[in-house]
Amino acid sequence: MTDGLLLTRGERARSFLLKLAGGVGPLLVLVAVAAVLGGEAVAVAIAVLGMLCGLVVATSARTVRGALVAGVAVAALLFLLQIVLAWFITHPIERD
């Protein structure tokens, strides 16, 4: 880990792309699993929200490992969000 002051433009771009891959990679795995299981709309929603979160992770993480850990955490939280939303949809508050 360096402060980035003495890095060339290429080294900074490489570092950013590695952090972006670490932040977005776990989310893309979650999108692929959702798409394979038949949830196309869910996969698109996870992809859009996940890409935005991955960009935030990539710009704020100091190391590639930190970006990967944050990406896994965001993917787990999005998975839990989908479980909660599915439960609310299948268990309506008002009864017929």
PDB file of N, CA and C in Angstrom:
ATOM      1  N   MET A   1       0.850  -1.176   0.000  1.00  0.00           N
ATOM      2  CA  MET A   1       0.000   0.000   0.000  1.00  0.00           C
ATOM      3  C   MET A   1       0.892   1.235   0.000  1.00  0.00           C
ATOM      4  N   THR A   2       0.614   2.132  -0.889  1.00  0.00           N
ATOM      5  CA  THR A   2       1.354   3.380  -0.970  1.00  0.00           C
ATOM      6  C   THR A   2       0.369   4.542  -0.901  1.00  0.00           C
ATOM      7  N   ASP A   3       0.931   5.712  -0.746  1.00  0.00           N
ATOM      8  CA  ASP A   3       0.060   6.879  -0.691  1.00  0.00           C
ATOM      9  C   ASP A   3      -0.368   7.329  -2.077  1.00  0.00           C
ATOM     10  N   GLY A   4       0.288   6.879  -3.134  1.00  0.00           N
ATOM     11  CA  GLY A   4      -0.111   7.192  -4.487  1.00  0.00           C
ATOM     12  C   GLY A   4       0.548   8.420  -5.074  1.00  0.00           C
ATOM     13  N   LEU A   5       1.382   9.110  -4.289  1.00  0.00           N
ATOM     14  CA  LEU A   5       1.992  10.336  -4.794  1.00  0.00           C
ATOM     15  C   LEU A   5       3.042  10.053  -5.861  1.00  0.00           C
ATOM     16  N   LEU A   6       3.783   8.959  -5.719  1.00  0.00           N
ATOM     17  CA  LEU A   6       4.854   8.669  -6.655  1.00  0.00           C
ATOM     18  C   LEU A   6       4.463   7.650  -7.716  1.00  0.00           C
ATOM     19  N   LEU A   7       3.191   7.281  -7.767  1.00  0.00           N
ATOM     20  CA  LEU A   7       2.746   6.314  -8.764  1.00  0.00           C
ATOM     21  C   LEU A   7       2.538   7.001 -10.116  1.00  0.00           C
ATOM     22  N   THR A   8       2.840   6.279 -11.165  1.00  0.00           N
ATOM     23  CA  THR A   8       2.570   6.807 -12.500  1.00  0.00           C
ATOM     24  C   THR A   8       1.075   6.684 -12.780  1.00  0.00           C
ATOM     25  N   ARG A   9       0.644   7.276 -13.869  1.00  0.00           N
ATOM     26  CA  ARG A   9      -0.763   7.235 -14.239  1.00  0.00           C
ATOM     27  C   ARG A   9      -1.206   5.788 -14.488  1.00  0.00           C
ATOM     28  N   GLY A  10      -0.349   5.007 -15.128  1.00  0.00           N
ATOM     29  CA  GLY A  10      -0.669   3.607 -15.389  1.00  0.00           C
ATOM     30  C   GLY A  10      -0.784   2.782 -14.116  1.00  0.00           C
ATOM     31  N   GLU A  11       0.113   3.040 -13.167  1.00  0.00           N
ATOM     32  CA  GLU A  11       0.056   2.315 -11.892  1.00  0.00           C
ATOM     33  C   GLU A  11      -1.200   2.679 -11.108  1.00  0.00           C
ATOM     34  N   ARG A  12      -1.586   3.938 -11.143  1.00  0.00           N
ATOM     35  CA  ARG A  12      -2.830   4.345 -10.472  1.00  0.00           C
ATOM     36  C   ARG A  12      -4.051   3.708 -11.133  1.00  0.00           C
ATOM     37  N   ALA A  13      -4.060   3.678 -12.457  1.00  0.00           N
ATOM     38  CA  ALA A  13      -5.173   3.054 -13.176  1.00  0.00           C
ATOM     39  C   ALA A  13      -5.237   1.562 -12.879  1.00  0.00           C
ATOM     40  N   ARG A  14      -4.089   0.889 -12.847  1.00  0.00           N
ATOM     41  CA  ARG A  14      -4.050  -0.541 -12.529  1.00  0.00           C
ATOM     42  C   ARG A  14      -4.572  -0.791 -11.123  1.00  0.00           C
ATOM     43  N   SER A  15      -4.161   0.038 -10.171  1.00  0.00           N
ATOM     44  CA  SER A  15      -4.632  -0.106  -8.792  1.00  0.00           C
ATOM     45  C   SER A  15      -6.141   0.091  -8.706  1.00  0.00           C
ATOM     46  N   PHE A  16      -6.653   1.099  -9.404  1.00  0.00           N
ATOM     47  CA  PHE A  16      -8.093   1.340  -9.384  1.00  0.00           C
ATOM     48  C   PHE A  16      -8.855   0.189 -10.017  1.00  0.00           C
ATOM     49  N   LEU A  17      -8.368  -0.317 -11.154  1.00  0.00           N
ATOM     50  CA  LEU A  17      -9.054  -1.418 -11.821  1.00  0.00           C
ATOM     51  C   LEU A  17      -9.037  -2.694 -10.984  1.00  0.00           C
ATOM     52  N   LEU A  18      -7.943  -2.942 -10.277  1.00  0.00           N
ATOM     53  CA  LEU A  18      -7.904  -4.104  -9.383  1.00  0.00           C
ATOM     54  C   LEU A  18      -8.897  -3.954  -8.231  1.00  0.00           C
ATOM     55  N   LYS A  19      -8.976  -2.751  -7.680  1.00  0.00           N
ATOM     56  CA  LYS A  19      -9.938  -2.517  -6.609  1.00  0.00           C
ATOM     57  C   LYS A  19     -11.372  -2.580  -7.132  1.00  0.00           C
ATOM     58  N   LEU A  20     -11.602  -2.105  -8.353  1.00  0.00           N
ATOM     59  CA  LEU A  20     -12.926  -2.198  -8.956  1.00  0.00           C
ATOM     60  C   LEU A  20     -13.310  -3.663  -9.185  1.00  0.00           C
ATOM     61  N   ALA A  21     -12.363  -4.457  -9.658  1.00  0.00           N
ATOM     62  CA  ALA A  21     -12.636  -5.883  -9.855  1.00  0.00           C
ATOM     63  C   ALA A  21     -12.912  -6.577  -8.528  1.00  0.00           C
ATOM     64  N   GLY A  22     -12.192  -6.197  -7.489  1.00  0.00           N
ATOM     65  CA  GLY A  22     -12.434  -6.785  -6.168  1.00  0.00           C
ATOM     66  C   GLY A  22     -13.773  -6.378  -5.585  1.00  0.00           C
ATOM     67  N   GLY A  23     -14.205  -5.171  -5.874  1.00  0.00           N
ATOM     68  CA  GLY A  23     -15.480  -4.709  -5.338  1.00  0.00           C
ATOM     69  C   GLY A  23     -16.678  -5.190  -6.131  1.00  0.00           C
ATOM     70  N   VAL A  24     -16.511  -5.396  -7.435  1.00  0.00           N
ATOM     71  CA  VAL A  24     -17.627  -5.762  -8.296  1.00  0.00           C
ATOM     72  C   VAL A  24     -17.688  -7.273  -8.544  1.00  0.00           C
ATOM     73  N   GLY A  25     -16.569  -7.961  -8.435  1.00  0.00           N
ATOM     74  CA  GLY A  25     -16.514  -9.391  -8.729  1.00  0.00           C
ATOM     75  C   GLY A  25     -17.523 -10.236  -7.968  1.00  0.00           C
ATOM     76  N   PRO A  26     -17.590 -10.129  -6.643  1.00  0.00           N
ATOM     77  CA  PRO A  26     -18.582 -10.920  -5.905  1.00  0.00           C
ATOM     78  C   PRO A  26     -20.022 -10.576  -6.283  1.00  0.00           C
ATOM     79  N   LEU A  27     -20.257  -9.329  -6.628  1.00  0.00           N
ATOM     80  CA  LEU A  27     -21.600  -8.928  -7.046  1.00  0.00           C
ATOM     81  C   LEU A  27     -21.968  -9.543  -8.395  1.00  0.00           C
ATOM     82  N   LEU A  28     -20.993  -9.647  -9.288  1.00  0.00           N
ATOM     83  CA  LEU A  28     -21.261 -10.269 -10.583  1.00  0.00           C
ATOM     84  C   LEU A  28     -21.552 -11.763 -10.427  1.00  0.00           C
ATOM     85  N   VAL A  29     -20.910 -12.398  -9.464  1.00  0.00           N
ATOM     86  CA  VAL A  29     -21.222 -13.804  -9.187  1.00  0.00           C
ATOM     87  C   VAL A  29     -22.666 -13.930  -8.702  1.00  0.00           C
ATOM     88  N   LEU A  30     -23.093 -13.032  -7.822  1.00  0.00           N
ATOM     89  CA  LEU A  30     -24.470 -13.040  -7.336  1.00  0.00           C
ATOM     90  C   LEU A  30     -25.453 -12.772  -8.483  1.00  0.00           C
ATOM     91  N   VAL A  31     -25.115 -11.871  -9.381  1.00  0.00           N
ATOM     92  CA  VAL A  31     -25.971 -11.591 -10.541  1.00  0.00           C
ATOM     93  C   VAL A  31     -26.071 -12.820 -11.431  1.00  0.00           C
ATOM     94  N   ALA A  32     -24.958 -13.498 -11.667  1.00  0.00           N
ATOM     95  CA  ALA A  32     -24.963 -14.694 -12.511  1.00  0.00           C
ATOM     96  C   ALA A  32     -25.819 -15.793 -11.893  1.00  0.00           C
ATOM     97  N   VAL A  33     -25.720 -15.989 -10.581  1.00  0.00           N
ATOM     98  CA  VAL A  33     -26.523 -17.006  -9.909  1.00  0.00           C
ATOM     99  C   VAL A  33     -28.004 -16.655  -9.998  1.00  0.00           C
ATOM    100  N   ALA A  34     -28.341 -15.396  -9.787  1.00  0.00           N
ATOM    101  CA  ALA A  34     -29.748 -14.980  -9.874  1.00  0.00           C
ATOM    102  C   ALA A  34     -30.277 -15.155 -11.289  1.00  0.00           C
ATOM    103  N   ALA A  35     -29.474 -14.854 -12.297  1.00  0.00           N
ATOM    104  CA  ALA A  35     -29.922 -14.990 -13.685  1.00  0.00           C
ATOM    105  C   ALA A  35     -30.092 -16.457 -14.063  1.00  0.00           C
ATOM    106  N   VAL A  36     -29.194 -17.310 -13.589  1.00  0.00           N
ATOM    107  CA  VAL A  36     -29.297 -18.741 -13.896  1.00  0.00           C
ATOM    108  C   VAL A  36     -30.519 -19.355 -13.231  1.00  0.00           C
ATOM    109  N   LEU A  37     -30.863 -18.900 -12.049  1.00  0.00           N
ATOM    110  CA  LEU A  37     -32.007 -19.450 -11.330  1.00  0.00           C
ATOM    111  C   LEU A  37     -33.335 -18.881 -11.815  1.00  0.00           C
ATOM    112  N   GLY A  38     -33.310 -18.011 -12.799  1.00  0.00           N
ATOM    113  CA  GLY A  38     -34.550 -17.550 -13.411  1.00  0.00           C
ATOM    114  C   GLY A  38     -35.035 -16.191 -12.965  1.00  0.00           C
ATOM    115  N   GLY A  39     -34.266 -15.474 -12.236  1.00  0.00           N
ATOM    116  CA  GLY A  39     -34.700 -14.160 -11.766  1.00  0.00           C
ATOM    117  C   GLY A  39     -34.082 -13.050 -12.586  1.00  0.00           C
ATOM    118  N   GLU A  40     -34.551 -12.880 -13.818  1.00  0.00           N
ATOM    119  CA  GLU A  40     -33.936 -11.878 -14.693  1.00  0.00           C
ATOM    120  C   GLU A  40     -34.092 -10.466 -14.149  1.00  0.00           C
ATOM    121  N   ALA A  41     -35.282 -10.125 -13.671  1.00  0.00           N
ATOM    122  CA  ALA A  41     -35.511  -8.782 -13.128  1.00  0.00           C
ATOM    123  C   ALA A  41     -34.696  -8.577 -11.855  1.00  0.00           C
ATOM    124  N   VAL A  42     -34.609  -9.610 -11.052  1.00  0.00           N
ATOM    125  CA  VAL A  42     -33.809  -9.528  -9.826  1.00  0.00           C
ATOM    126  C   VAL A  42     -32.339  -9.365 -10.179  1.00  0.00           C
ATOM    127  N   ALA A  43     -31.880 -10.080 -11.187  1.00  0.00           N
ATOM    128  CA  ALA A  43     -30.484  -9.987 -11.604  1.00  0.00           C
ATOM    129  C   ALA A  43     -30.153  -8.579 -12.104  1.00  0.00           C
ATOM    130  N   VAL A  44     -31.074  -7.983 -12.840  1.00  0.00           N
ATOM    131  CA  VAL A  44     -30.843  -6.616 -13.332  1.00  0.00           C
ATOM    132  C   VAL A  44     -30.807  -5.632 -12.162  1.00  0.00           C
ATOM    133  N   ALA A  45     -31.721  -5.790 -11.218  1.00  0.00           N
ATOM    134  CA  ALA A  45     -31.740  -4.894 -10.050  1.00  0.00           C
ATOM    135  C   ALA A  45     -30.466  -5.034  -9.229  1.00  0.00           C
ATOM    136  N   ILE A  46     -30.030  -6.265  -9.017  1.00  0.00           N
ATOM    137  CA  ILE A  46     -28.789  -6.483  -8.266  1.00  0.00           C
ATOM    138  C   ILE A  46     -27.605  -5.925  -9.038  1.00  0.00           C
ATOM    139  N   ALA A  47     -27.608  -6.081 -10.360  1.00  0.00           N
ATOM    140  CA  ALA A  47     -26.498  -5.576 -11.171  1.00  0.00           C
ATOM    141  C   ALA A  47     -26.390  -4.064 -11.094  1.00  0.00           C
ATOM    142  N   VAL A  48     -27.514  -3.372 -11.206  1.00  0.00           N
ATOM    143  CA  VAL A  48     -27.477  -1.903 -11.174  1.00  0.00           C
ATOM    144  C   VAL A  48     -27.032  -1.409  -9.803  1.00  0.00           C
ATOM    145  N   LEU A  49     -27.677  -1.904  -8.764  1.00  0.00           N
ATOM    146  CA  LEU A  49     -27.319  -1.473  -7.411  1.00  0.00           C
ATOM    147  C   LEU A  49     -25.908  -1.930  -7.045  1.00  0.00           C
ATOM    148  N   GLY A  50     -25.558  -3.140  -7.481  1.00  0.00           N
ATOM    149  CA  GLY A  50     -24.234  -3.671  -7.185  1.00  0.00           C
ATOM    150  C   GLY A  50     -23.118  -2.900  -7.866  1.00  0.00           C
ATOM    151  N   MET A  51     -23.339  -2.482  -9.111  1.00  0.00           N
ATOM    152  CA  MET A  51     -22.310  -1.709  -9.804  1.00  0.00           C
ATOM    153  C   MET A  51     -22.086  -0.357  -9.126  1.00  0.00           C
ATOM    154  N   LEU A  52     -23.159   0.255  -8.683  1.00  0.00           N
ATOM    155  CA  LEU A  52     -23.005   1.530  -7.968  1.00  0.00           C
ATOM    156  C   LEU A  52     -22.247   1.336  -6.660  1.00  0.00           C
ATOM    157  N   CYS A  53     -22.604   0.293  -5.921  1.00  0.00           N
ATOM    158  CA  CYS A  53     -21.902   0.003  -4.664  1.00  0.00           C
ATOM    159  C   CYS A  53     -20.456  -0.401  -4.934  1.00  0.00           C
ATOM    160  N   GLY A  54     -20.221  -1.141  -6.005  1.00  0.00           N
ATOM    161  CA  GLY A  54     -18.857  -1.539  -6.358  1.00  0.00           C
ATOM    162  C   GLY A  54     -17.986  -0.351  -6.702  1.00  0.00           C
ATOM    163  N   LEU A  55     -18.556   0.630  -7.356  1.00  0.00           N
ATOM    164  CA  LEU A  55     -17.812   1.848  -7.665  1.00  0.00           C
ATOM    165  C   LEU A  55     -17.459   2.613  -6.395  1.00  0.00           C
ATOM    166  N   VAL A  56     -18.396   2.663  -5.466  1.00  0.00           N
ATOM    167  CA  VAL A  56     -18.120   3.317  -4.175  1.00  0.00           C
ATOM    168  C   VAL A  56     -17.019   2.583  -3.429  1.00  0.00           C
ATOM    169  N   VAL A  57     -17.084   1.257  -3.436  1.00  0.00           N
ATOM    170  CA  VAL A  57     -16.056   0.452  -2.768  1.00  0.00           C
ATOM    171  C   VAL A  57     -14.696   0.690  -3.412  1.00  0.00           C
ATOM    172  N   ALA A  58     -14.648   0.707  -4.732  1.00  0.00           N
ATOM    173  CA  ALA A  58     -13.375   0.867  -5.437  1.00  0.00           C
ATOM    174  C   ALA A  58     -12.742   2.231  -5.178  1.00  0.00           C
ATOM    175  N   THR A  59     -13.547   3.244  -5.021  1.00  0.00           N
ATOM    176  CA  THR A  59     -12.985   4.570  -4.802  1.00  0.00           C
ATOM    177  C   THR A  59     -12.634   4.829  -3.341  1.00  0.00           C
ATOM    178  N   SER A  60     -13.185   4.063  -2.429  1.00  0.00           N
ATOM    179  CA  SER A  60     -12.914   4.324  -1.018  1.00  0.00           C
ATOM    180  C   SER A  60     -12.009   3.290  -0.359  1.00  0.00           C
ATOM    181  N   ALA A  61     -11.793   2.146  -0.971  1.00  0.00           N
ATOM    182  CA  ALA A  61     -10.936   1.122  -0.372  1.00  0.00           C
ATOM    183  C   ALA A  61      -9.470   1.490  -0.556  1.00  0.00           C
ATOM    184  N   ARG A  62      -8.670   1.164   0.442  1.00  0.00           N
ATOM    185  CA  ARG A  62      -7.249   1.468   0.352  1.00  0.00           C
ATOM    186  C   ARG A  62      -6.457   0.354  -0.324  1.00  0.00           C
ATOM    187  N   THR A  63      -6.885  -0.883  -0.150  1.00  0.00           N
ATOM    188  CA  THR A  63      -6.165  -2.017  -0.726  1.00  0.00           C
ATOM    189  C   THR A  63      -7.119  -2.872  -1.546  1.00  0.00           C
ATOM    190  N   VAL A  64      -6.540  -3.748  -2.357  1.00  0.00           N
ATOM    191  CA  VAL A  64      -7.353  -4.662  -3.148  1.00  0.00           C
ATOM    192  C   VAL A  64      -8.062  -5.650  -2.226  1.00  0.00           C
ATOM    193  N   ARG A  65      -7.379  -6.090  -1.191  1.00  0.00           N
ATOM    194  CA  ARG A  65      -7.994  -7.001  -0.225  1.00  0.00           C
ATOM    195  C   ARG A  65      -9.180  -6.336   0.464  1.00  0.00           C
ATOM    196  N   GLY A  66      -9.031  -5.078   0.816  1.00  0.00           N
ATOM    197  CA  GLY A  66     -10.141  -4.344   1.428  1.00  0.00           C
ATOM    198  C   GLY A  66     -11.322  -4.206   0.483  1.00  0.00           C
ATOM    199  N   ALA A  67     -11.031  -3.980  -0.795  1.00  0.00           N
ATOM    200  CA  ALA A  67     -12.103  -3.884  -1.785  1.00  0.00           C
ATOM    201  C   ALA A  67     -12.802  -5.229  -1.949  1.00  0.00           C
ATOM    202  N   LEU A  68     -12.032  -6.324  -1.923  1.00  0.00           N
ATOM    203  CA  LEU A  68     -12.624  -7.651  -2.052  1.00  0.00           C
ATOM    204  C   LEU A  68     -13.506  -7.987  -0.848  1.00  0.00           C
ATOM    205  N   VAL A  69     -13.035  -7.672   0.333  1.00  0.00           N
ATOM    206  CA  VAL A  69     -13.828  -7.918   1.545  1.00  0.00           C
ATOM    207  C   VAL A  69     -15.106  -7.079   1.518  1.00  0.00           C
ATOM    208  N   ALA A  70     -14.987  -5.829   1.128  1.00  0.00           N
ATOM    209  CA  ALA A  70     -16.171  -4.972   1.044  1.00  0.00           C
ATOM    210  C   ALA A  70     -17.122  -5.457  -0.042  1.00  0.00           C
ATOM    211  N   GLY A  71     -16.595  -5.947  -1.150  1.00  0.00           N
ATOM    212  CA  GLY A  71     -17.442  -6.481  -2.219  1.00  0.00           C
ATOM    213  C   GLY A  71     -18.215  -7.705  -1.773  1.00  0.00           C
ATOM    214  N   VAL A  72     -17.554  -8.592  -1.026  1.00  0.00           N
ATOM    215  CA  VAL A  72     -18.247  -9.770  -0.492  1.00  0.00           C
ATOM    216  C   VAL A  72     -19.318  -9.344   0.506  1.00  0.00           C
ATOM    217  N   ALA A  73     -19.012  -8.352   1.335  1.00  0.00           N
ATOM    218  CA  ALA A  73     -19.999  -7.872   2.312  1.00  0.00           C
ATOM    219  C   ALA A  73     -21.206  -7.251   1.617  1.00  0.00           C
ATOM    220  N   VAL A  74     -20.974  -6.469   0.578  1.00  0.00           N
ATOM    221  CA  VAL A  74     -22.090  -5.856  -0.158  1.00  0.00           C
ATOM    222  C   VAL A  74     -22.919  -6.926  -0.848  1.00  0.00           C
ATOM    223  N   ALA A  75     -22.255  -7.938  -1.426  1.00  0.00           N
ATOM    224  CA  ALA A  75     -22.988  -9.028  -2.077  1.00  0.00           C
ATOM    225  C   ALA A  75     -23.835  -9.786  -1.062  1.00  0.00           C
ATOM    226  N   ALA A  76     -23.300 -10.034   0.122  1.00  0.00           N
ATOM    227  CA  ALA A  76     -24.072 -10.725   1.165  1.00  0.00           C
ATOM    228  C   ALA A  76     -25.272  -9.881   1.602  1.00  0.00           C
ATOM    229  N   LEU A  77     -25.072  -8.584   1.738  1.00  0.00           N
ATOM    230  CA  LEU A  77     -26.181  -7.713   2.136  1.00  0.00           C
ATOM    231  C   LEU A  77     -27.257  -7.635   1.053  1.00  0.00           C
ATOM    232  N   LEU A  78     -26.856  -7.595  -0.212  1.00  0.00           N
ATOM    233  CA  LEU A  78     -27.845  -7.589  -1.288  1.00  0.00           C
ATOM    234  C   LEU A  78     -28.598  -8.912  -1.354  1.00  0.00           C
ATOM    235  N   PHE A  79     -27.913 -10.015  -1.073  1.00  0.00           N
ATOM    236  CA  PHE A  79     -28.582 -11.315  -1.029  1.00  0.00           C
ATOM    237  C   PHE A  79     -29.605 -11.356   0.105  1.00  0.00           C
ATOM    238  N   LEU A  80     -29.229 -10.858   1.269  1.00  0.00           N
ATOM    239  CA  LEU A  80     -30.168 -10.802   2.388  1.00  0.00           C
ATOM    240  C   LEU A  80     -31.333  -9.866   2.094  1.00  0.00           C
ATOM    241  N   LEU A  81     -31.075  -8.771   1.397  1.00  0.00           N
ATOM    242  CA  LEU A  81     -32.149  -7.860   0.999  1.00  0.00           C
ATOM    243  C   LEU A  81     -33.149  -8.574   0.094  1.00  0.00           C
ATOM    244  N   GLN A  82     -32.655  -9.378  -0.825  1.00  0.00           N
ATOM    245  CA  GLN A  82     -33.555 -10.118  -1.713  1.00  0.00           C
ATOM    246  C   GLN A  82     -34.383 -11.144  -0.950  1.00  0.00           C
ATOM    247  N   ILE A  83     -33.795 -11.768   0.059  1.00  0.00           N
ATOM    248  CA  ILE A  83     -34.542 -12.722   0.888  1.00  0.00           C
ATOM    249  C   ILE A  83     -35.648 -12.004   1.656  1.00  0.00           C
ATOM    250  N   VAL A  84     -35.324 -10.865   2.235  1.00  0.00           N
ATOM    251  CA  VAL A  84     -36.324 -10.103   2.993  1.00  0.00           C
ATOM    252  C   VAL A  84     -37.444  -9.616   2.078  1.00  0.00           C
ATOM    253  N   LEU A  85     -37.091  -9.101   0.905  1.00  0.00           N
ATOM    254  CA  LEU A  85     -38.119  -8.636  -0.030  1.00  0.00           C
ATOM    255  C   LEU A  85     -38.999  -9.786  -0.502  1.00  0.00           C
ATOM    256  N   ALA A  86     -38.412 -10.945  -0.760  1.00  0.00           N
ATOM    257  CA  ALA A  86     -39.210 -12.106  -1.175  1.00  0.00           C
ATOM    258  C   ALA A  86     -40.155 -12.527  -0.057  1.00  0.00           C
ATOM    259  N   TRP A  87     -39.706 -12.456   1.190  1.00  0.00           N
ATOM    260  CA  TRP A  87     -40.572 -12.825   2.309  1.00  0.00           C
ATOM    261  C   TRP A  87     -41.746 -11.849   2.420  1.00  0.00           C
ATOM    262  N   PHE A  88     -41.477 -10.547   2.285  1.00  0.00           N
ATOM    263  CA  PHE A  88     -42.555  -9.567   2.363  1.00  0.00           C
ATOM    264  C   PHE A  88     -43.558  -9.730   1.225  1.00  0.00           C
ATOM    265  N   ILE A  89     -43.068 -10.099   0.050  1.00  0.00           N
ATOM    266  CA  ILE A  89     -43.966 -10.281  -1.086  1.00  0.00           C
ATOM    267  C   ILE A  89     -44.857 -11.501  -0.883  1.00  0.00           C
ATOM    268  N   THR A  90     -44.308 -12.587  -0.337  1.00  0.00           N
ATOM    269  CA  THR A  90     -45.091 -13.812  -0.170  1.00  0.00           C
ATOM    270  C   THR A  90     -45.921 -13.806   1.103  1.00  0.00           C
ATOM    271  N   HIS A  91     -45.681 -12.890   2.014  1.00  0.00           N
ATOM    272  CA  HIS A  91     -46.440 -12.795   3.261  1.00  0.00           C
ATOM    273  C   HIS A  91     -47.059 -11.402   3.363  1.00  0.00           C
ATOM    274  N   PRO A  92     -48.164 -11.159   2.688  1.00  0.00           N
ATOM    275  CA  PRO A  92     -48.745  -9.822   2.715  1.00  0.00           C
ATOM    276  C   PRO A  92     -49.276  -9.479   4.123  1.00  0.00           C
ATOM    277  N   ILE A  93     -49.306  -8.201   4.404  1.00  0.00           N
ATOM    278  CA  ILE A  93     -49.791  -7.746   5.710  1.00  0.00           C
ATOM    279  C   ILE A  93     -51.300  -7.891   5.799  1.00  0.00           C
ATOM    280  N   GLU A  94     -51.982  -7.481   4.762  1.00  0.00           N
ATOM    281  CA  GLU A  94     -53.444  -7.575   4.758  1.00  0.00           C
ATOM    282  C   GLU A  94     -53.872  -8.947   4.231  1.00  0.00           C
ATOM    283  N   ARG A  95     -54.863  -9.515   4.897  1.00  0.00           N
ATOM    284  CA  ARG A  95     -55.368 -10.804   4.439  1.00  0.00           C
ATOM    285  C   ARG A  95     -56.583 -10.596   3.550  1.00  0.00           C
ATOM    286  N   ASP A  96     -56.800 -11.507   2.612  1.00  0.00           N
ATOM    287  CA  ASP A  96     -57.943 -11.391   1.701  1.00  0.00           C
ATOM    288  C   ASP A  96     -59.234 -11.692   2.404  1.00  0.00           C
TER     289      ASP A  96
END
